[in-house]
Amino acid sequence: MMKKKVMKWLVILFAALAFILWIAWGNTALETTRIQIVSERIPTSFDGWRIAQVSDLHNGEFGEENENLLMLLRAEQPDMIALTGDLVDSIHTDMDRAVKFAEEAVQIAPCYFVTGNHEARLEEQYEELERRLEAVGVTVLRDEAVTLDREGGVIQLIGLDDPRFEEQDEELKDSLAYFEEKLSAMELADGYRILLSHRPETFDAYVNQQIDLVLTGHAHGGQFRLPVVGGLIAPNQGLFPKYDAGLYVEGRTNMIVSRGLGNSVFPFRVNNRPEVVIVTLCVP
């Protein structure tokens, strides 16, 4: 009888230890997700052009000074790195760590940054972050667009500020109208359009404004991912979010939602490894 009880507790302890190790591995082992976007609207000179998307780092560290993350990016040899918000975390902000990562990343490829809700929460501190990012060579896009030129072909790259800079309500009930208004006011080119925006829940606004490719984050993959079901909960989407991870297509608009890399309010993920997305543009 005593042996059975001992064996029972040994099995329980072994299972608990295995679960803890699995969680630890699942929060530190980087995963690369590759997505091809095929469109006749892509200029032929951009065929094979690669974007590495780094989202929701939240001051996380993968290897000393993020060397593991930087090694992954170097190996992928992207043409551009998109930083789609929440590079820092407003709860435990480490500006030096964020800027150091950005400084190394710009040595790999041109980096373009848009704000997330955590940058907005920095309030007066945000100006320092933006100044330091620009000082190391990052292009910060705040409701503005730039033209990317490659061998005569051009793409318009647009960056939207997080709505929390103007609306402090966490629910952001009018964020769809906010993005519609912002995009309508911009002089969008007729050619291929890529949008960097932290928020995936406003997909309809991107579709209505005929954006070709949108790179977003914010949802953290639903934080806890359930088999078949997907993500459990996401900011501004609630339980079982519609846009938690991967590719969503409507009309000519393709939206990629990165599961991101770091954690904030919830200190760990379950069945949801930190992710870098590699997007390749392809001409049919």
C-alpha atoms as a PDB file:
ATOM      1  CA  MET A   1       0.000   0.000   0.000  1.00  0.00           C
ATOM      2  CA  MET A   2       2.813   2.394   0.957  1.00  0.00           C
ATOM      3  CA  LYS A   3       4.624   1.610  -2.296  1.00  0.00           C
ATOM      4  CA  LYS A   4       1.532   2.521  -4.328  1.00  0.00           C
ATOM      5  CA  LYS A   5       1.229   5.881  -2.550  1.00  0.00           C
ATOM      6  CA  VAL A   6       4.920   6.631  -3.098  1.00  0.00           C
ATOM      7  CA  MET A   7       4.640   5.717  -6.781  1.00  0.00           C
ATOM      8  CA  LYS A   8       1.541   7.875  -7.126  1.00  0.00           C
ATOM      9  CA  TRP A   9       3.313  10.918  -5.685  1.00  0.00           C
ATOM     10  CA  LEU A  10       6.424  10.262  -7.778  1.00  0.00           C
ATOM     11  CA  VAL A  11       4.292  10.214 -10.923  1.00  0.00           C
ATOM     12  CA  ILE A  12       2.555  13.458  -9.879  1.00  0.00           C
ATOM     13  CA  LEU A  13       5.899  15.157  -9.122  1.00  0.00           C
ATOM     14  CA  PHE A  14       7.408  13.950 -12.405  1.00  0.00           C
ATOM     15  CA  ALA A  15       4.383  15.198 -14.354  1.00  0.00           C
ATOM     16  CA  ALA A  16       4.513  18.578 -12.586  1.00  0.00           C
ATOM     17  CA  LEU A  17       8.244  18.933 -13.286  1.00  0.00           C
ATOM     18  CA  ALA A  18       7.752  17.965 -16.931  1.00  0.00           C
ATOM     19  CA  PHE A  19       4.972  20.557 -17.258  1.00  0.00           C
ATOM     20  CA  ILE A  20       7.138  23.302 -15.709  1.00  0.00           C
ATOM     21  CA  LEU A  21      10.035  22.451 -18.041  1.00  0.00           C
ATOM     22  CA  TRP A  22       7.689  22.437 -21.043  1.00  0.00           C
ATOM     23  CA  ILE A  23       6.326  25.856 -20.078  1.00  0.00           C
ATOM     24  CA  ALA A  24       9.861  27.231 -19.608  1.00  0.00           C
ATOM     25  CA  TRP A  25      10.941  25.866 -22.993  1.00  0.00           C
ATOM     26  CA  GLY A  26       7.781  27.145 -24.662  1.00  0.00           C
ATOM     27  CA  ASN A  27       8.456  30.682 -23.447  1.00  0.00           C
ATOM     28  CA  THR A  28      12.106  30.861 -24.508  1.00  0.00           C
ATOM     29  CA  ALA A  29      12.452  28.691 -27.638  1.00  0.00           C
ATOM     30  CA  LEU A  30      12.068  31.003 -30.628  1.00  0.00           C
ATOM     31  CA  GLU A  31       9.915  29.864 -33.530  1.00  0.00           C
ATOM     32  CA  THR A  32      10.044  31.116 -37.113  1.00  0.00           C
ATOM     33  CA  THR A  33       6.802  31.286 -39.072  1.00  0.00           C
ATOM     34  CA  ARG A  34       7.131  31.711 -42.835  1.00  0.00           C
ATOM     35  CA  ILE A  35       4.333  33.214 -44.890  1.00  0.00           C
ATOM     36  CA  GLN A  36       4.313  33.873 -48.633  1.00  0.00           C
ATOM     37  CA  ILE A  37       2.169  36.675 -50.001  1.00  0.00           C
ATOM     38  CA  VAL A  38       1.402  36.248 -53.688  1.00  0.00           C
ATOM     39  CA  SER A  39      -0.104  39.160 -55.606  1.00  0.00           C
ATOM     40  CA  GLU A  40      -0.067  40.523 -59.122  1.00  0.00           C
ATOM     41  CA  ARG A  41       0.030  43.985 -57.527  1.00  0.00           C
ATOM     42  CA  ILE A  42       3.543  43.442 -56.153  1.00  0.00           C
ATOM     43  CA  PRO A  43       6.150  45.144 -58.386  1.00  0.00           C
ATOM     44  CA  THR A  44       8.312  42.560 -60.145  1.00  0.00           C
ATOM     45  CA  SER A  45      11.453  44.095 -58.641  1.00  0.00           C
ATOM     46  CA  PHE A  46      10.110  43.176 -55.179  1.00  0.00           C
ATOM     47  CA  ASP A  47       9.649  39.517 -56.077  1.00  0.00           C
ATOM     48  CA  GLY A  48      11.317  37.526 -53.261  1.00  0.00           C
ATOM     49  CA  TRP A  49      11.598  40.575 -50.971  1.00  0.00           C
ATOM     50  CA  ARG A  50      11.637  39.426 -47.338  1.00  0.00           C
ATOM     51  CA  ILE A  51      10.269  41.138 -44.244  1.00  0.00           C
ATOM     52  CA  ALA A  52      11.112  39.975 -40.720  1.00  0.00           C
ATOM     53  CA  GLN A  53       8.362  40.967 -38.290  1.00  0.00           C
ATOM     54  CA  VAL A  54       9.305  41.450 -34.636  1.00  0.00           C
ATOM     55  CA  SER A  55       6.281  42.230 -32.489  1.00  0.00           C
ATOM     56  CA  ASP A  56       5.450  42.562 -28.792  1.00  0.00           C
ATOM     57  CA  LEU A  57       8.954  42.025 -27.471  1.00  0.00           C
ATOM     58  CA  HIS A  58       7.878  43.671 -24.179  1.00  0.00           C
ATOM     59  CA  ASN A  59      11.491  44.133 -23.093  1.00  0.00           C
ATOM     60  CA  GLY A  60      11.964  40.387 -23.354  1.00  0.00           C
ATOM     61  CA  GLU A  61      15.445  38.938 -23.704  1.00  0.00           C
ATOM     62  CA  PHE A  62      16.346  35.854 -25.744  1.00  0.00           C
ATOM     63  CA  GLY A  63      19.936  35.120 -24.941  1.00  0.00           C
ATOM     64  CA  GLU A  64      22.271  37.715 -23.463  1.00  0.00           C
ATOM     65  CA  GLU A  65      21.398  41.112 -24.976  1.00  0.00           C
ATOM     66  CA  ASN A  66      18.932  39.274 -27.255  1.00  0.00           C
ATOM     67  CA  GLU A  67      21.727  37.546 -29.130  1.00  0.00           C
ATOM     68  CA  ASN A  68      19.567  34.487 -29.927  1.00  0.00           C
ATOM     69  CA  LEU A  69      16.927  36.705 -31.509  1.00  0.00           C
ATOM     70  CA  LEU A  70      19.542  38.677 -33.427  1.00  0.00           C
ATOM     71  CA  MET A  71      21.201  35.462 -34.648  1.00  0.00           C
ATOM     72  CA  LEU A  72      17.845  34.291 -35.989  1.00  0.00           C
ATOM     73  CA  LEU A  73      17.349  37.582 -37.832  1.00  0.00           C
ATOM     74  CA  ARG A  74      20.871  37.506 -39.285  1.00  0.00           C
ATOM     75  CA  ALA A  75      20.353  33.968 -40.562  1.00  0.00           C
ATOM     76  CA  GLU A  76      17.121  34.973 -42.328  1.00  0.00           C
ATOM     77  CA  GLN A  77      18.810  37.886 -44.164  1.00  0.00           C
ATOM     78  CA  PRO A  78      15.647  39.994 -44.460  1.00  0.00           C
ATOM     79  CA  ASP A  79      15.398  43.048 -46.695  1.00  0.00           C
ATOM     80  CA  MET A  80      13.500  44.879 -43.959  1.00  0.00           C
ATOM     81  CA  ILE A  81      12.619  44.452 -40.286  1.00  0.00           C
ATOM     82  CA  ALA A  82       9.161  45.565 -39.122  1.00  0.00           C
ATOM     83  CA  LEU A  83       8.840  46.377 -35.415  1.00  0.00           C
ATOM     84  CA  THR A  84       5.084  46.350 -34.870  1.00  0.00           C
ATOM     85  CA  GLY A  85       4.677  47.797 -31.399  1.00  0.00           C
ATOM     86  CA  ASP A  86       5.217  47.043 -27.703  1.00  0.00           C
ATOM     87  CA  LEU A  87       8.976  46.946 -28.072  1.00  0.00           C
ATOM     88  CA  VAL A  88       9.050  48.048 -24.429  1.00  0.00           C
ATOM     89  CA  ASP A  89       6.783  47.114 -21.550  1.00  0.00           C
ATOM     90  CA  SER A  90       5.167  49.875 -19.540  1.00  0.00           C
ATOM     91  CA  ILE A  91       5.042  47.759 -16.371  1.00  0.00           C
ATOM     92  CA  HIS A  92       8.777  46.975 -16.252  1.00  0.00           C
ATOM     93  CA  THR A  93      10.300  49.355 -18.767  1.00  0.00           C
ATOM     94  CA  ASP A  94      13.926  48.822 -19.790  1.00  0.00           C
ATOM     95  CA  MET A  95      14.582  51.438 -22.437  1.00  0.00           C
ATOM     96  CA  ASP A  96      18.290  50.613 -22.686  1.00  0.00           C
ATOM     97  CA  ARG A  97      17.543  46.986 -23.560  1.00  0.00           C
ATOM     98  CA  ALA A  98      15.021  47.970 -26.232  1.00  0.00           C
ATOM     99  CA  VAL A  99      17.344  50.512 -27.848  1.00  0.00           C
ATOM    100  CA  LYS A 100      20.311  48.118 -27.726  1.00  0.00           C
ATOM    101  CA  PHE A 101      18.287  45.504 -29.602  1.00  0.00           C
ATOM    102  CA  ALA A 102      17.200  48.090 -32.187  1.00  0.00           C
ATOM    103  CA  GLU A 103      20.780  49.290 -32.610  1.00  0.00           C
ATOM    104  CA  GLU A 104      21.890  45.751 -33.482  1.00  0.00           C
ATOM    105  CA  ALA A 105      18.840  45.052 -35.660  1.00  0.00           C
ATOM    106  CA  VAL A 106      19.489  48.024 -37.969  1.00  0.00           C
ATOM    107  CA  GLN A 107      22.865  46.476 -38.792  1.00  0.00           C
ATOM    108  CA  ILE A 108      20.964  43.529 -40.279  1.00  0.00           C
ATOM    109  CA  ALA A 109      18.337  45.399 -42.333  1.00  0.00           C
ATOM    110  CA  PRO A 110      16.473  48.730 -42.352  1.00  0.00           C
ATOM    111  CA  CYS A 111      14.096  48.822 -39.387  1.00  0.00           C
ATOM    112  CA  TYR A 112      10.654  50.480 -39.349  1.00  0.00           C
ATOM    113  CA  PHE A 113       8.826  50.937 -36.054  1.00  0.00           C
ATOM    114  CA  VAL A 114       5.219  51.696 -35.109  1.00  0.00           C
ATOM    115  CA  THR A 115       3.937  52.240 -31.605  1.00  0.00           C
ATOM    116  CA  GLY A 116       1.854  49.887 -29.503  1.00  0.00           C
ATOM    117  CA  ASN A 117      -0.328  50.502 -26.488  1.00  0.00           C
ATOM    118  CA  HIS A 118       2.617  50.036 -24.136  1.00  0.00           C
ATOM    119  CA  GLU A 119       4.552  52.831 -25.834  1.00  0.00           C
ATOM    120  CA  ALA A 120       1.479  55.025 -25.350  1.00  0.00           C
ATOM    121  CA  ARG A 121       1.422  54.160 -21.657  1.00  0.00           C
ATOM    122  CA  LEU A 122       4.937  55.537 -21.277  1.00  0.00           C
ATOM    123  CA  GLU A 123       3.414  59.006 -21.682  1.00  0.00           C
ATOM    124  CA  GLU A 124       6.223  61.629 -21.383  1.00  0.00           C
ATOM    125  CA  GLN A 125       8.895  58.910 -21.461  1.00  0.00           C
ATOM    126  CA  TYR A 126       7.881  57.906 -24.971  1.00  0.00           C
ATOM    127  CA  GLU A 127       9.570  60.966 -26.519  1.00  0.00           C
ATOM    128  CA  GLU A 128      12.899  59.745 -25.156  1.00  0.00           C
ATOM    129  CA  LEU A 129      12.346  56.269 -26.626  1.00  0.00           C
ATOM    130  CA  GLU A 130      11.485  57.664 -30.048  1.00  0.00           C
ATOM    131  CA  ARG A 131      14.469  59.998 -30.025  1.00  0.00           C
ATOM    132  CA  ARG A 132      16.839  57.173 -29.105  1.00  0.00           C
ATOM    133  CA  LEU A 133      15.397  54.770 -31.689  1.00  0.00           C
ATOM    134  CA  GLU A 134      15.824  57.343 -34.431  1.00  0.00           C
ATOM    135  CA  ALA A 135      19.363  58.078 -33.202  1.00  0.00           C
ATOM    136  CA  VAL A 136      20.410  54.455 -33.829  1.00  0.00           C
ATOM    137  CA  GLY A 137      18.841  54.438 -37.300  1.00  0.00           C
ATOM    138  CA  VAL A 138      15.285  53.154 -36.839  1.00  0.00           C
ATOM    139  CA  THR A 139      12.593  54.812 -38.966  1.00  0.00           C
ATOM    140  CA  VAL A 140       9.628  55.637 -36.722  1.00  0.00           C
ATOM    141  CA  LEU A 141       6.317  55.896 -38.591  1.00  0.00           C
ATOM    142  CA  ARG A 142       3.575  57.805 -36.773  1.00  0.00           C
ATOM    143  CA  ASP A 143       0.550  58.173 -39.060  1.00  0.00           C
ATOM    144  CA  GLU A 144       2.804  58.614 -42.046  1.00  0.00           C
ATOM    145  CA  ALA A 145       4.036  56.795 -45.120  1.00  0.00           C
ATOM    146  CA  VAL A 146       7.335  56.333 -46.909  1.00  0.00           C
ATOM    147  CA  THR A 147       8.135  55.015 -50.372  1.00  0.00           C
ATOM    148  CA  LEU A 148      10.324  51.949 -50.772  1.00  0.00           C
ATOM    149  CA  ASP A 149      12.136  51.872 -54.114  1.00  0.00           C
ATOM    150  CA  ARG A 150      13.774  48.783 -55.573  1.00  0.00           C
ATOM    151  CA  GLU A 151      15.170  48.810 -59.099  1.00  0.00           C
ATOM    152  CA  GLY A 152      12.468  51.228 -60.249  1.00  0.00           C
ATOM    153  CA  GLY A 153       9.578  49.444 -58.560  1.00  0.00           C
ATOM    154  CA  VAL A 154       7.895  51.155 -55.611  1.00  0.00           C
ATOM    155  CA  ILE A 155       5.859  50.092 -52.589  1.00  0.00           C
ATOM    156  CA  GLN A 156       4.209  52.419 -50.104  1.00  0.00           C
ATOM    157  CA  LEU A 157       4.970  51.576 -46.465  1.00  0.00           C
ATOM    158  CA  ILE A 158       2.477  53.083 -44.006  1.00  0.00           C
ATOM    159  CA  GLY A 159       2.722  53.245 -40.224  1.00  0.00           C
ATOM    160  CA  LEU A 160      -0.174  53.956 -37.864  1.00  0.00           C
ATOM    161  CA  ASP A 161       0.207  55.251 -34.325  1.00  0.00           C
ATOM    162  CA  ASP A 162      -1.544  53.250 -31.624  1.00  0.00           C
ATOM    163  CA  PRO A 163      -4.942  54.855 -30.848  1.00  0.00           C
ATOM    164  CA  ARG A 164      -4.207  54.864 -27.131  1.00  0.00           C
ATOM    165  CA  PHE A 165      -2.047  57.954 -27.655  1.00  0.00           C
ATOM    166  CA  GLU A 166      -5.274  59.866 -28.273  1.00  0.00           C
ATOM    167  CA  GLU A 167      -7.881  57.732 -26.503  1.00  0.00           C
ATOM    168  CA  GLN A 168      -7.022  56.617 -22.960  1.00  0.00           C
ATOM    169  CA  ASP A 169     -10.013  54.266 -22.617  1.00  0.00           C
ATOM    170  CA  GLU A 170      -8.633  50.725 -22.566  1.00  0.00           C
ATOM    171  CA  GLU A 171     -11.681  49.434 -24.447  1.00  0.00           C
ATOM    172  CA  LEU A 172     -11.105  51.766 -27.415  1.00  0.00           C
ATOM    173  CA  LYS A 173     -14.656  51.282 -28.636  1.00  0.00           C
ATOM    174  CA  ASP A 174     -14.169  53.607 -31.634  1.00  0.00           C
ATOM    175  CA  SER A 175     -10.782  52.317 -32.778  1.00  0.00           C
ATOM    176  CA  LEU A 176     -12.262  51.092 -36.075  1.00  0.00           C
ATOM    177  CA  ALA A 177     -13.489  54.614 -36.875  1.00  0.00           C
ATOM    178  CA  TYR A 178     -10.160  55.985 -35.640  1.00  0.00           C
ATOM    179  CA  PHE A 179      -8.172  53.959 -38.159  1.00  0.00           C
ATOM    180  CA  GLU A 180     -10.660  54.622 -40.953  1.00  0.00           C
ATOM    181  CA  GLU A 181     -10.259  58.354 -40.372  1.00  0.00           C
ATOM    182  CA  LYS A 182      -6.464  58.193 -40.140  1.00  0.00           C
ATOM    183  CA  LEU A 183      -6.072  56.173 -43.328  1.00  0.00           C
ATOM    184  CA  SER A 184      -8.622  58.264 -45.238  1.00  0.00           C
ATOM    185  CA  ALA A 185      -6.684  61.429 -44.380  1.00  0.00           C
ATOM    186  CA  MET A 186      -3.409  60.041 -45.735  1.00  0.00           C
ATOM    187  CA  GLU A 187      -2.376  60.306 -49.355  1.00  0.00           C
ATOM    188  CA  LEU A 188      -2.255  56.612 -50.153  1.00  0.00           C
ATOM    189  CA  ALA A 189      -0.605  55.643 -53.412  1.00  0.00           C
ATOM    190  CA  ASP A 190      -2.389  53.569 -56.048  1.00  0.00           C
ATOM    191  CA  GLY A 191       0.314  50.898 -55.980  1.00  0.00           C
ATOM    192  CA  TYR A 192       1.054  48.101 -53.525  1.00  0.00           C
ATOM    193  CA  ARG A 193       0.495  49.188 -49.913  1.00  0.00           C
ATOM    194  CA  ILE A 194       2.011  47.661 -46.780  1.00  0.00           C
ATOM    195  CA  LEU A 195       0.686  48.834 -43.411  1.00  0.00           C
ATOM    196  CA  LEU A 196       2.353  48.437 -40.036  1.00  0.00           C
ATOM    197  CA  SER A 197      -0.235  48.674 -37.255  1.00  0.00           C
ATOM    198  CA  HIS A 198      -0.188  47.168 -33.780  1.00  0.00           C
ATOM    199  CA  ARG A 199      -3.927  46.355 -33.768  1.00  0.00           C
ATOM    200  CA  PRO A 200      -5.467  43.350 -35.579  1.00  0.00           C
ATOM    201  CA  GLU A 201      -9.011  43.816 -34.264  1.00  0.00           C
ATOM    202  CA  THR A 202      -9.597  46.693 -36.723  1.00  0.00           C
ATOM    203  CA  PHE A 203      -9.185  44.449 -39.777  1.00  0.00           C
ATOM    204  CA  ASP A 204     -12.330  45.900 -41.391  1.00  0.00           C
ATOM    205  CA  ALA A 205     -10.743  49.364 -41.508  1.00  0.00           C
ATOM    206  CA  TYR A 206      -7.737  47.982 -43.388  1.00  0.00           C
ATOM    207  CA  VAL A 207     -10.009  46.158 -45.825  1.00  0.00           C
ATOM    208  CA  ASN A 208     -12.150  49.258 -46.406  1.00  0.00           C
ATOM    209  CA  GLN A 209      -9.052  51.314 -47.178  1.00  0.00           C
ATOM    210  CA  GLN A 210      -7.779  48.638 -49.601  1.00  0.00           C
ATOM    211  CA  ILE A 211      -4.495  47.951 -47.875  1.00  0.00           C
ATOM    212  CA  ASP A 212      -2.684  45.073 -49.583  1.00  0.00           C
ATOM    213  CA  LEU A 213      -0.652  43.731 -46.656  1.00  0.00           C
ATOM    214  CA  VAL A 214      -1.001  44.519 -42.947  1.00  0.00           C
ATOM    215  CA  LEU A 215       1.453  43.411 -40.253  1.00  0.00           C
ATOM    216  CA  THR A 216       0.005  43.451 -36.735  1.00  0.00           C
ATOM    217  CA  GLY A 217       0.542  41.978 -33.266  1.00  0.00           C
ATOM    218  CA  HIS A 218      -1.063  42.859 -29.898  1.00  0.00           C
ATOM    219  CA  ALA A 219      -3.024  39.592 -29.480  1.00  0.00           C
ATOM    220  CA  HIS A 220      -0.059  37.558 -28.141  1.00  0.00           C
ATOM    221  CA  GLY A 221      -1.460  34.571 -30.010  1.00  0.00           C
ATOM    222  CA  GLY A 222      -4.291  34.407 -27.512  1.00  0.00           C
ATOM    223  CA  GLN A 223      -1.697  33.853 -24.721  1.00  0.00           C
ATOM    224  CA  PHE A 224      -2.928  30.317 -23.985  1.00  0.00           C
ATOM    225  CA  ARG A 225      -3.429  28.319 -27.169  1.00  0.00           C
ATOM    226  CA  LEU A 226      -5.812  25.382 -27.117  1.00  0.00           C
ATOM    227  CA  PRO A 227      -5.659  22.534 -29.645  1.00  0.00           C
ATOM    228  CA  VAL A 228      -8.066  23.094 -32.565  1.00  0.00           C
ATOM    229  CA  VAL A 229      -9.664  26.104 -30.819  1.00  0.00           C
ATOM    230  CA  GLY A 230      -6.667  28.473 -30.968  1.00  0.00           C
ATOM    231  CA  GLY A 231      -6.064  31.450 -28.674  1.00  0.00           C
ATOM    232  CA  LEU A 232      -7.959  31.786 -25.401  1.00  0.00           C
ATOM    233  CA  ILE A 233      -7.941  35.542 -24.742  1.00  0.00           C
ATOM    234  CA  ALA A 234      -6.548  38.690 -26.347  1.00  0.00           C
ATOM    235  CA  PRO A 235      -6.500  42.404 -25.513  1.00  0.00           C
ATOM    236  CA  ASN A 236      -9.466  44.308 -26.990  1.00  0.00           C
ATOM    237  CA  GLN A 237     -10.928  41.058 -28.355  1.00  0.00           C
ATOM    238  CA  GLY A 238     -11.720  39.138 -25.185  1.00  0.00           C
ATOM    239  CA  LEU A 239     -12.291  35.397 -25.049  1.00  0.00           C
ATOM    240  CA  PHE A 240     -11.604  33.258 -28.132  1.00  0.00           C
ATOM    241  CA  PRO A 241     -10.343  36.169 -30.263  1.00  0.00           C
ATOM    242  CA  LYS A 242     -11.169  36.200 -33.965  1.00  0.00           C
ATOM    243  CA  TYR A 243      -7.742  37.517 -34.941  1.00  0.00           C
ATOM    244  CA  ASP A 244      -5.155  35.790 -32.767  1.00  0.00           C
ATOM    245  CA  ALA A 245      -2.418  34.505 -35.082  1.00  0.00           C
ATOM    246  CA  GLY A 246      -1.553  33.850 -38.696  1.00  0.00           C
ATOM    247  CA  LEU A 247      -2.924  35.081 -42.013  1.00  0.00           C
ATOM    248  CA  TYR A 248      -6.382  36.568 -42.622  1.00  0.00           C
ATOM    249  CA  VAL A 249      -7.590  37.435 -46.117  1.00  0.00           C
ATOM    250  CA  GLU A 250     -10.512  39.494 -47.346  1.00  0.00           C
ATOM    251  CA  GLY A 251     -10.643  40.942 -50.835  1.00  0.00           C
ATOM    252  CA  ARG A 252      -7.189  42.174 -51.725  1.00  0.00           C
ATOM    253  CA  THR A 253      -6.190  42.657 -48.063  1.00  0.00           C
ATOM    254  CA  ASN A 254      -3.876  40.184 -46.350  1.00  0.00           C
ATOM    255  CA  MET A 255      -3.404  40.691 -42.612  1.00  0.00           C
ATOM    256  CA  ILE A 256      -0.716  38.827 -40.672  1.00  0.00           C
ATOM    257  CA  VAL A 257      -1.092  38.674 -36.893  1.00  0.00           C
ATOM    258  CA  SER A 258       2.166  37.839 -35.146  1.00  0.00           C
ATOM    259  CA  ARG A 259       1.955  35.904 -31.898  1.00  0.00           C
ATOM    260  CA  GLY A 260       4.800  38.110 -30.737  1.00  0.00           C
ATOM    261  CA  LEU A 261       7.715  37.376 -28.466  1.00  0.00           C
ATOM    262  CA  GLY A 262       7.232  38.648 -24.933  1.00  0.00           C
ATOM    263  CA  ASN A 263       4.731  38.721 -22.104  1.00  0.00           C
ATOM    264  CA  SER A 264       3.288  41.494 -19.987  1.00  0.00           C
ATOM    265  CA  VAL A 265       0.283  41.132 -17.668  1.00  0.00           C
ATOM    266  CA  PHE A 266       0.412  37.338 -17.970  1.00  0.00           C
ATOM    267  CA  PRO A 267       4.005  36.319 -17.176  1.00  0.00           C
ATOM    268  CA  PHE A 268       3.988  33.182 -19.339  1.00  0.00           C
ATOM    269  CA  ARG A 269       2.429  31.573 -22.411  1.00  0.00           C
ATOM    270  CA  VAL A 270       1.035  28.083 -22.867  1.00  0.00           C
ATOM    271  CA  ASN A 271       1.403  26.145 -26.140  1.00  0.00           C
ATOM    272  CA  ASN A 272       2.395  29.432 -27.754  1.00  0.00           C
ATOM    273  CA  ARG A 273       6.105  29.802 -28.494  1.00  0.00           C
ATOM    274  CA  PRO A 274       7.589  33.275 -29.083  1.00  0.00           C
ATOM    275  CA  GLU A 275       7.431  33.959 -32.802  1.00  0.00           C
ATOM    276  CA  VAL A 276       9.293  35.835 -35.516  1.00  0.00           C
ATOM    277  CA  VAL A 277       7.357  36.041 -38.775  1.00  0.00           C
ATOM    278  CA  ILE A 278       9.194  35.993 -42.094  1.00  0.00           C
ATOM    279  CA  VAL A 279       7.069  37.354 -44.936  1.00  0.00           C
ATOM    280  CA  THR A 280       8.126  36.822 -48.544  1.00  0.00           C
ATOM    281  CA  LEU A 281       6.522  38.839 -51.324  1.00  0.00           C
ATOM    282  CA  CYS A 282       5.965  36.799 -54.480  1.00  0.00           C
ATOM    283  CA  VAL A 283       4.873  37.783 -57.973  1.00  0.00           C
ATOM    284  CA  PRO A 284       2.753  35.047 -59.608  1.00  0.00           C
END
